[in-house]
Amino acid sequence: MAIPRDRAEAAALLGVPADAEADVIAERYRTLARIFHPDRNPDAPDADARMQELNIARDLLLQLRAESAVVTVPSEPEPAHSRRQHARLAAVMHEMPYGVYFIGTQRDGDPSGMIADWVLQVSFKPRLILIAFERDSYSLASIQANRALSVALLAEDCFDVAGRFLQPRDPAKIRGRTRGQQLRDKLAGVEYWTTERGCPVLSDALTWLDCEAQQFIPAGDHILVVAQVLDGDRQRDAEPLTSLNTGWTYSG
């Protein structure tokens, strides 16, 4: 993530509608602060930067709400119906439930992982799944290089460990950092094993799949990866972790 510069970026970072009420903004901020606060992530080198981004996003949205109460209508305002429609559609999209998945990759024998919500099965014969990645994703670049990936559905009690993988591995994706700085080892201190193709699977995950990427399809601001399932299993009995019980949103 990067320090937000306007209402849209601040709202996207917090995962709230751009016209969210002050109490919604504050509650969302408190939820994210409990996850990313440096005191809860003492080993995360970018925890302070992440909290700074959250603080700025909250303050920017609250400031803009206060100003909008007294500022006159701009000379060329955005049509009110467009703003209302955007907010309405974002709210509707936020209601779509998603599972919380760990995506494991490796690059030159170095394992890494990320959290994804947009994952689904798209074929029976052969068994194919689809995952959406941001275009500048470190994991996507690794998959494009060797086509190997693992997909693990996380269990409900994996909430805390999932939070470790929400932050970017590449410091260059955080404003004020440079690509020359050392990449974060998000797997440090986490129990995992690796597939035959070297991709990590969290030991506490509910299920896992070993996959091979078949297609890379541009779709708006994301790249869709269609991957064939090679192997997989259930690791334990538990309830799945979903967007319904995390409070996180990757939608809108």
C-alpha atoms as a PDB file:
ATOM      1  CA  MET A   1       0.000   0.000   0.000  1.00  0.00           C
ATOM      2  CA  ALA A   2       0.981   3.700  -0.280  1.00  0.00           C
ATOM      3  CA  ILE A   3       0.126   6.847   1.625  1.00  0.00           C
ATOM      4  CA  PRO A   4      -3.276   7.967   0.294  1.00  0.00           C
ATOM      5  CA  ARG A   5      -3.402  11.245  -1.585  1.00  0.00           C
ATOM      6  CA  ASP A   6      -7.148  11.750  -2.007  1.00  0.00           C
ATOM      7  CA  ARG A   7     -10.559  10.518  -0.876  1.00  0.00           C
ATOM      8  CA  ALA A   8     -10.639   7.581  -3.268  1.00  0.00           C
ATOM      9  CA  GLU A   9      -7.222   6.246  -2.208  1.00  0.00           C
ATOM     10  CA  ALA A  10      -7.993   6.752   1.491  1.00  0.00           C
ATOM     11  CA  ALA A  11     -11.328   4.958   1.172  1.00  0.00           C
ATOM     12  CA  ALA A  12      -9.734   2.094  -0.765  1.00  0.00           C
ATOM     13  CA  LEU A  13      -7.006   1.680   1.849  1.00  0.00           C
ATOM     14  CA  LEU A  14      -9.520   1.505   4.697  1.00  0.00           C
ATOM     15  CA  GLY A  15     -11.996  -0.545   2.671  1.00  0.00           C
ATOM     16  CA  VAL A  16     -14.953   1.801   3.116  1.00  0.00           C
ATOM     17  CA  PRO A  17     -17.151   3.699   0.653  1.00  0.00           C
ATOM     18  CA  ALA A  18     -15.756   7.098  -0.341  1.00  0.00           C
ATOM     19  CA  ASP A  19     -18.742   8.812   1.301  1.00  0.00           C
ATOM     20  CA  ALA A  20     -18.763   6.681   4.461  1.00  0.00           C
ATOM     21  CA  GLU A  21     -20.105   8.245   7.641  1.00  0.00           C
ATOM     22  CA  ALA A  22     -17.626   9.257  10.353  1.00  0.00           C
ATOM     23  CA  ASP A  23     -18.602   6.385  12.667  1.00  0.00           C
ATOM     24  CA  VAL A  24     -18.077   3.844   9.854  1.00  0.00           C
ATOM     25  CA  ILE A  25     -14.638   5.304   9.127  1.00  0.00           C
ATOM     26  CA  ALA A  26     -13.672   5.247  12.804  1.00  0.00           C
ATOM     27  CA  GLU A  27     -14.876   1.675  13.351  1.00  0.00           C
ATOM     28  CA  ARG A  28     -13.060   0.407  10.259  1.00  0.00           C
ATOM     29  CA  TYR A  29      -9.881   2.175  11.359  1.00  0.00           C
ATOM     30  CA  ARG A  30     -10.071   0.545  14.808  1.00  0.00           C
ATOM     31  CA  THR A  31     -10.487  -2.888  13.217  1.00  0.00           C
ATOM     32  CA  LEU A  32      -7.430  -2.456  10.973  1.00  0.00           C
ATOM     33  CA  ALA A  33      -5.378  -0.870  13.750  1.00  0.00           C
ATOM     34  CA  ARG A  34      -5.917  -3.955  15.908  1.00  0.00           C
ATOM     35  CA  ILE A  35      -4.429  -6.034  13.065  1.00  0.00           C
ATOM     36  CA  PHE A  36      -1.542  -3.867  11.908  1.00  0.00           C
ATOM     37  CA  HIS A  37      -0.420  -1.984  15.020  1.00  0.00           C
ATOM     38  CA  PRO A  38       3.380  -2.276  15.480  1.00  0.00           C
ATOM     39  CA  ASP A  39       2.852  -3.648  18.990  1.00  0.00           C
ATOM     40  CA  ARG A  40       1.079  -6.653  17.445  1.00  0.00           C
ATOM     41  CA  ASN A  41       3.644  -7.003  14.654  1.00  0.00           C
ATOM     42  CA  PRO A  42       7.030  -6.495  16.347  1.00  0.00           C
ATOM     43  CA  ASP A  43       8.858  -8.464  13.634  1.00  0.00           C
ATOM     44  CA  ALA A  44       7.286  -6.621  10.694  1.00  0.00           C
ATOM     45  CA  PRO A  45       9.728  -3.961   9.421  1.00  0.00           C
ATOM     46  CA  ASP A  46       6.948  -2.013   7.707  1.00  0.00           C
ATOM     47  CA  ALA A  47       4.439  -2.053  10.580  1.00  0.00           C
ATOM     48  CA  ASP A  48       5.095   1.613  11.411  1.00  0.00           C
ATOM     49  CA  ALA A  49       4.635   2.618   7.766  1.00  0.00           C
ATOM     50  CA  ARG A  50       1.397   0.635   7.557  1.00  0.00           C
ATOM     51  CA  MET A  51      -0.002   2.353  10.652  1.00  0.00           C
ATOM     52  CA  GLN A  52       1.022   5.731   9.248  1.00  0.00           C
ATOM     53  CA  GLU A  53      -0.929   4.961   6.074  1.00  0.00           C
ATOM     54  CA  LEU A  54      -4.001   3.995   8.123  1.00  0.00           C
ATOM     55  CA  ASN A  55      -3.740   7.116  10.274  1.00  0.00           C
ATOM     56  CA  ILE A  56      -3.475   9.380   7.244  1.00  0.00           C
ATOM     57  CA  ALA A  57      -6.360   7.638   5.489  1.00  0.00           C
ATOM     58  CA  ARG A  58      -8.621   8.039   8.532  1.00  0.00           C
ATOM     59  CA  ASP A  59      -7.657  11.680   9.096  1.00  0.00           C
ATOM     60  CA  LEU A  60      -8.055  12.541   5.413  1.00  0.00           C
ATOM     61  CA  LEU A  61     -11.550  11.046   5.179  1.00  0.00           C
ATOM     62  CA  LEU A  62     -12.711  12.650   8.428  1.00  0.00           C
ATOM     63  CA  GLN A  63     -11.276  16.010   7.376  1.00  0.00           C
ATOM     64  CA  LEU A  64     -12.985  15.859   3.988  1.00  0.00           C
ATOM     65  CA  ARG A  65     -16.286  14.982   5.642  1.00  0.00           C
ATOM     66  CA  ALA A  66     -15.970  17.987   7.942  1.00  0.00           C
ATOM     67  CA  GLU A  67     -15.096  20.295   5.056  1.00  0.00           C
ATOM     68  CA  SER A  68     -17.962  19.023   2.897  1.00  0.00           C
ATOM     69  CA  ALA A  69     -20.408  20.205   5.540  1.00  0.00           C
ATOM     70  CA  VAL A  70     -19.431  23.867   5.027  1.00  0.00           C
ATOM     71  CA  VAL A  71     -17.918  24.122   1.562  1.00  0.00           C
ATOM     72  CA  THR A  72     -20.142  25.495  -1.201  1.00  0.00           C
ATOM     73  CA  VAL A  73     -20.931  23.463  -4.304  1.00  0.00           C
ATOM     74  CA  PRO A  74     -17.939  23.413  -6.737  1.00  0.00           C
ATOM     75  CA  SER A  75     -18.316  25.170 -10.052  1.00  0.00           C
ATOM     76  CA  GLU A  76     -18.176  21.848 -11.911  1.00  0.00           C
ATOM     77  CA  PRO A  77     -19.445  19.240  -9.450  1.00  0.00           C
ATOM     78  CA  GLU A  78     -19.542  15.559 -10.164  1.00  0.00           C
ATOM     79  CA  PRO A  79     -23.167  14.644 -10.884  1.00  0.00           C
ATOM     80  CA  ALA A  80     -24.848  13.724  -7.626  1.00  0.00           C
ATOM     81  CA  HIS A  81     -26.445  10.672  -9.198  1.00  0.00           C
ATOM     82  CA  SER A  82     -22.955   9.396 -10.194  1.00  0.00           C
ATOM     83  CA  ARG A  83     -21.649   9.759  -6.648  1.00  0.00           C
ATOM     84  CA  ARG A  84     -24.720   8.070  -5.243  1.00  0.00           C
ATOM     85  CA  GLN A  85     -24.479   5.284  -7.794  1.00  0.00           C
ATOM     86  CA  HIS A  86     -20.772   4.714  -7.028  1.00  0.00           C
ATOM     87  CA  ALA A  87     -21.456   4.535  -3.296  1.00  0.00           C
ATOM     88  CA  ARG A  88     -24.447   2.253  -3.852  1.00  0.00           C
ATOM     89  CA  LEU A  89     -22.529  -0.141  -6.085  1.00  0.00           C
ATOM     90  CA  ALA A  90     -19.559  -0.229  -3.690  1.00  0.00           C
ATOM     91  CA  ALA A  91     -21.881  -1.079  -0.814  1.00  0.00           C
ATOM     92  CA  VAL A  92     -23.515  -3.834  -2.856  1.00  0.00           C
ATOM     93  CA  MET A  93     -20.153  -5.294  -3.891  1.00  0.00           C
ATOM     94  CA  HIS A  94     -19.027  -5.303  -0.252  1.00  0.00           C
ATOM     95  CA  GLU A  95     -21.869  -7.739   0.517  1.00  0.00           C
ATOM     96  CA  MET A  96     -20.391 -10.454  -1.730  1.00  0.00           C
ATOM     97  CA  PRO A  97     -18.803 -13.101   0.558  1.00  0.00           C
ATOM     98  CA  TYR A  98     -15.370 -14.573  -0.133  1.00  0.00           C
ATOM     99  CA  GLY A  99     -13.163 -17.241   1.349  1.00  0.00           C
ATOM    100  CA  VAL A 100      -9.744 -16.247   2.677  1.00  0.00           C
ATOM    101  CA  TYR A 101      -6.989 -18.115   0.849  1.00  0.00           C
ATOM    102  CA  PHE A 102      -3.226 -18.366   1.245  1.00  0.00           C
ATOM    103  CA  ILE A 103      -1.445 -18.361  -2.126  1.00  0.00           C
ATOM    104  CA  GLY A 104       2.028 -19.910  -1.932  1.00  0.00           C
ATOM    105  CA  THR A 105       4.721 -19.219  -4.527  1.00  0.00           C
ATOM    106  CA  GLN A 106       8.468 -19.575  -4.894  1.00  0.00           C
ATOM    107  CA  ARG A 107      11.151 -17.739  -6.815  1.00  0.00           C
ATOM    108  CA  ASP A 108      14.608 -19.254  -7.224  1.00  0.00           C
ATOM    109  CA  GLY A 109      13.857 -21.600  -4.322  1.00  0.00           C
ATOM    110  CA  ASP A 110      12.723 -18.760  -2.034  1.00  0.00           C
ATOM    111  CA  PRO A 111       9.140 -19.426  -0.817  1.00  0.00           C
ATOM    112  CA  SER A 112       6.653 -16.634  -0.251  1.00  0.00           C
ATOM    113  CA  GLY A 113       2.932 -16.161   0.174  1.00  0.00           C
ATOM    114  CA  MET A 114       0.016 -13.751   0.091  1.00  0.00           C
ATOM    115  CA  ILE A 115      -3.677 -13.589   0.992  1.00  0.00           C
ATOM    116  CA  ALA A 116      -6.313 -13.672  -1.748  1.00  0.00           C
ATOM    117  CA  ASP A 117     -10.105 -13.464  -1.708  1.00  0.00           C
ATOM    118  CA  TRP A 118     -10.951 -13.694  -5.400  1.00  0.00           C
ATOM    119  CA  VAL A 119     -10.523 -17.462  -5.874  1.00  0.00           C
ATOM    120  CA  LEU A 120     -13.012 -19.872  -7.475  1.00  0.00           C
ATOM    121  CA  GLN A 121     -13.331 -23.144  -9.419  1.00  0.00           C
ATOM    122  CA  VAL A 122     -14.115 -22.701 -13.124  1.00  0.00           C
ATOM    123  CA  SER A 123     -13.936 -26.241 -14.601  1.00  0.00           C
ATOM    124  CA  PHE A 124     -14.463 -29.890 -13.674  1.00  0.00           C
ATOM    125  CA  LYS A 125     -12.525 -31.567 -16.509  1.00  0.00           C
ATOM    126  CA  PRO A 126      -9.797 -30.648 -16.077  1.00  0.00           C
ATOM    127  CA  ARG A 127     -10.120 -29.180 -12.599  1.00  0.00           C
ATOM    128  CA  LEU A 128      -9.314 -25.506 -13.028  1.00  0.00           C
ATOM    129  CA  ILE A 129      -9.402 -22.640 -10.556  1.00  0.00           C
ATOM    130  CA  LEU A 130      -9.112 -18.909 -11.116  1.00  0.00           C
ATOM    131  CA  ILE A 131      -7.296 -16.344  -8.942  1.00  0.00           C
ATOM    132  CA  ALA A 132      -7.224 -12.567  -9.482  1.00  0.00           C
ATOM    133  CA  PHE A 133      -3.932 -10.759  -8.774  1.00  0.00           C
ATOM    134  CA  GLU A 134      -3.016  -7.083  -8.724  1.00  0.00           C
ATOM    135  CA  ARG A 135      -0.847  -6.366 -11.736  1.00  0.00           C
ATOM    136  CA  ASP A 136       2.235  -5.455  -9.654  1.00  0.00           C
ATOM    137  CA  SER A 137       1.918  -8.447  -7.306  1.00  0.00           C
ATOM    138  CA  TYR A 138       5.199 -10.107  -6.317  1.00  0.00           C
ATOM    139  CA  SER A 139       3.403 -13.454  -6.234  1.00  0.00           C
ATOM    140  CA  LEU A 140       2.031 -12.967  -9.734  1.00  0.00           C
ATOM    141  CA  ALA A 141       5.526 -12.299 -11.082  1.00  0.00           C
ATOM    142  CA  SER A 142       6.757 -15.501  -9.430  1.00  0.00           C
ATOM    143  CA  ILE A 143       3.914 -17.528 -10.957  1.00  0.00           C
ATOM    144  CA  GLN A 144       4.566 -16.026 -14.378  1.00  0.00           C
ATOM    145  CA  ALA A 145       8.194 -17.111 -14.059  1.00  0.00           C
ATOM    146  CA  ASN A 146       7.633 -20.767 -13.153  1.00  0.00           C
ATOM    147  CA  ARG A 147       3.826 -21.371 -13.243  1.00  0.00           C
ATOM    148  CA  ALA A 148       3.903 -23.007  -9.791  1.00  0.00           C
ATOM    149  CA  LEU A 149       1.542 -22.081  -6.969  1.00  0.00           C
ATOM    150  CA  SER A 150      -0.277 -23.533  -3.977  1.00  0.00           C
ATOM    151  CA  VAL A 151      -3.737 -22.484  -2.820  1.00  0.00           C
ATOM    152  CA  ALA A 152      -4.824 -23.125   0.775  1.00  0.00           C
ATOM    153  CA  LEU A 153      -8.193 -22.269   2.304  1.00  0.00           C
ATOM    154  CA  LEU A 154      -7.547 -20.889   5.781  1.00  0.00           C
ATOM    155  CA  ALA A 155      -9.425 -22.009   8.874  1.00  0.00           C
ATOM    156  CA  GLU A 156     -11.419 -19.673  11.092  1.00  0.00           C
ATOM    157  CA  ASP A 157      -8.738 -19.755  13.790  1.00  0.00           C
ATOM    158  CA  CYS A 158      -6.096 -18.541  11.297  1.00  0.00           C
ATOM    159  CA  PHE A 159      -7.223 -14.905  11.579  1.00  0.00           C
ATOM    160  CA  ASP A 160      -4.027 -13.654  13.245  1.00  0.00           C
ATOM    161  CA  VAL A 161      -1.624 -15.492  10.953  1.00  0.00           C
ATOM    162  CA  ALA A 162      -3.579 -14.309   7.909  1.00  0.00           C
ATOM    163  CA  GLY A 163      -2.937 -10.725   8.967  1.00  0.00           C
ATOM    164  CA  ARG A 164       0.808 -11.251   8.531  1.00  0.00           C
ATOM    165  CA  PHE A 165       0.357 -11.793   4.802  1.00  0.00           C
ATOM    166  CA  LEU A 166      -1.808  -8.765   4.018  1.00  0.00           C
ATOM    167  CA  GLN A 167       1.203  -6.460   3.804  1.00  0.00           C
ATOM    168  CA  PRO A 168       3.321  -6.379   0.632  1.00  0.00           C
ATOM    169  CA  ARG A 169       6.522  -8.385   0.432  1.00  0.00           C
ATOM    170  CA  ASP A 170       8.205  -5.740  -1.737  1.00  0.00           C
ATOM    171  CA  PRO A 171       9.086  -2.561   0.260  1.00  0.00           C
ATOM    172  CA  ALA A 172       8.869  -0.575  -2.986  1.00  0.00           C
ATOM    173  CA  LYS A 173       5.062  -0.864  -2.798  1.00  0.00           C
ATOM    174  CA  ILE A 174       5.116   1.259   0.383  1.00  0.00           C
ATOM    175  CA  ARG A 175       5.594   4.989  -0.114  1.00  0.00           C
ATOM    176  CA  GLY A 176       9.001   6.099   1.160  1.00  0.00           C
ATOM    177  CA  ARG A 177      10.628   2.702   0.577  1.00  0.00           C
ATOM    178  CA  THR A 178      12.835   1.745  -2.344  1.00  0.00           C
ATOM    179  CA  ARG A 179      13.184  -1.431  -4.372  1.00  0.00           C
ATOM    180  CA  GLY A 180      16.748  -1.782  -3.156  1.00  0.00           C
ATOM    181  CA  GLN A 181      15.609  -2.478   0.380  1.00  0.00           C
ATOM    182  CA  GLN A 182      15.435  -6.084   1.541  1.00  0.00           C
ATOM    183  CA  LEU A 183      12.273  -8.026   0.753  1.00  0.00           C
ATOM    184  CA  ARG A 184      10.161  -9.025   3.759  1.00  0.00           C
ATOM    185  CA  ASP A 185      10.181 -12.685   4.764  1.00  0.00           C
ATOM    186  CA  LYS A 186       6.487 -13.001   5.601  1.00  0.00           C
ATOM    187  CA  LEU A 187       6.914 -16.701   6.401  1.00  0.00           C
ATOM    188  CA  ALA A 188       9.401 -16.058   9.217  1.00  0.00           C
ATOM    189  CA  GLY A 189       8.089 -17.661  12.407  1.00  0.00           C
ATOM    190  CA  VAL A 190       5.142 -19.321  10.625  1.00  0.00           C
ATOM    191  CA  GLU A 191       4.799 -23.118  10.435  1.00  0.00           C
ATOM    192  CA  TYR A 192       4.539 -24.329   6.858  1.00  0.00           C
ATOM    193  CA  TRP A 193       5.638 -27.087   4.496  1.00  0.00           C
ATOM    194  CA  THR A 194       6.370 -26.982   0.773  1.00  0.00           C
ATOM    195  CA  THR A 195       4.937 -28.868  -2.174  1.00  0.00           C
ATOM    196  CA  GLU A 196       7.152 -30.809  -4.580  1.00  0.00           C
ATOM    197  CA  ARG A 197       7.320 -27.647  -6.673  1.00  0.00           C
ATOM    198  CA  GLY A 198       8.607 -25.631  -3.709  1.00  0.00           C
ATOM    199  CA  CYS A 199       5.466 -23.631  -2.911  1.00  0.00           C
ATOM    200  CA  PRO A 200       4.635 -23.155   0.795  1.00  0.00           C
ATOM    201  CA  VAL A 201       1.430 -24.345   2.475  1.00  0.00           C
ATOM    202  CA  LEU A 202       0.560 -23.100   5.961  1.00  0.00           C
ATOM    203  CA  SER A 203       0.428 -26.001   8.410  1.00  0.00           C
ATOM    204  CA  ASP A 204      -2.760 -24.681  10.043  1.00  0.00           C
ATOM    205  CA  ALA A 205      -4.650 -24.256   6.753  1.00  0.00           C
ATOM    206  CA  LEU A 206      -7.913 -26.114   6.340  1.00  0.00           C
ATOM    207  CA  THR A 207      -7.207 -27.461   2.830  1.00  0.00           C
ATOM    208  CA  TRP A 208      -4.486 -27.161   0.188  1.00  0.00           C
ATOM    209  CA  LEU A 209      -4.094 -27.479  -3.571  1.00  0.00           C
ATOM    210  CA  ASP A 210      -0.951 -27.856  -5.651  1.00  0.00           C
ATOM    211  CA  CYS A 211      -1.532 -26.042  -8.961  1.00  0.00           C
ATOM    212  CA  GLU A 212       0.074 -25.132 -12.268  1.00  0.00           C
ATOM    213  CA  ALA A 213      -0.817 -21.892 -14.022  1.00  0.00           C
ATOM    214  CA  GLN A 214      -2.242 -22.360 -17.515  1.00  0.00           C
ATOM    215  CA  GLN A 215      -3.448 -18.923 -18.587  1.00  0.00           C
ATOM    216  CA  PHE A 216      -2.824 -15.271 -17.691  1.00  0.00           C
ATOM    217  CA  ILE A 217      -5.759 -13.074 -18.665  1.00  0.00           C
ATOM    218  CA  PRO A 218      -5.768  -9.254 -18.306  1.00  0.00           C
ATOM    219  CA  ALA A 219      -8.988  -8.075 -16.650  1.00  0.00           C
ATOM    220  CA  GLY A 220      -9.233  -4.379 -15.803  1.00  0.00           C
ATOM    221  CA  ASP A 221      -6.742  -3.533 -13.072  1.00  0.00           C
ATOM    222  CA  HIS A 222      -6.048  -7.222 -12.295  1.00  0.00           C
ATOM    223  CA  ILE A 223      -4.558 -10.280 -13.993  1.00  0.00           C
ATOM    224  CA  LEU A 224      -6.599 -13.479 -13.856  1.00  0.00           C
ATOM    225  CA  VAL A 225      -4.596 -16.687 -13.452  1.00  0.00           C
ATOM    226  CA  VAL A 226      -6.300 -19.900 -14.546  1.00  0.00           C
ATOM    227  CA  ALA A 227      -4.505 -22.835 -12.909  1.00  0.00           C
ATOM    228  CA  GLN A 228      -4.923 -26.598 -13.129  1.00  0.00           C
ATOM    229  CA  VAL A 229      -5.202 -28.540  -9.885  1.00  0.00           C
ATOM    230  CA  LEU A 230      -2.514 -31.230  -9.694  1.00  0.00           C
ATOM    231  CA  ASP A 231      -2.985 -32.475  -6.125  1.00  0.00           C
ATOM    232  CA  GLY A 232      -4.526 -31.491  -2.821  1.00  0.00           C
ATOM    233  CA  ASP A 233      -5.996 -32.641   0.467  1.00  0.00           C
ATOM    234  CA  ARG A 234      -7.788 -31.598   3.643  1.00  0.00           C
ATOM    235  CA  GLN A 235      -5.405 -31.004   6.551  1.00  0.00           C
ATOM    236  CA  ARG A 236      -7.872 -30.802   9.442  1.00  0.00           C
ATOM    237  CA  ASP A 237     -11.483 -30.301  10.435  1.00  0.00           C
ATOM    238  CA  ALA A 238     -12.443 -26.706  11.145  1.00  0.00           C
ATOM    239  CA  GLU A 239     -14.688 -23.917   9.929  1.00  0.00           C
ATOM    240  CA  PRO A 240     -13.316 -21.869   6.994  1.00  0.00           C
ATOM    241  CA  LEU A 241     -12.169 -18.280   7.417  1.00  0.00           C
ATOM    242  CA  THR A 242     -14.269 -15.951   5.250  1.00  0.00           C
ATOM    243  CA  SER A 243     -14.847 -12.257   4.690  1.00  0.00           C
ATOM    244  CA  LEU A 244     -17.985 -12.624   6.795  1.00  0.00           C
ATOM    245  CA  ASN A 245     -15.948 -13.047   9.985  1.00  0.00           C
ATOM    246  CA  THR A 246     -12.762 -11.073   9.239  1.00  0.00           C
ATOM    247  CA  GLY A 247     -14.262  -7.630   8.677  1.00  0.00           C
ATOM    248  CA  TRP A 248     -11.829  -7.219   5.757  1.00  0.00           C
ATOM    249  CA  THR A 249     -13.073  -6.078   2.386  1.00  0.00           C
ATOM    250  CA  TYR A 250     -11.402  -6.489  -0.979  1.00  0.00           C
ATOM    251  CA  SER A 251     -14.295  -5.344  -3.126  1.00  0.00           C
ATOM    252  CA  GLY A 252     -16.300  -2.293  -4.011  1.00  0.00           C
END
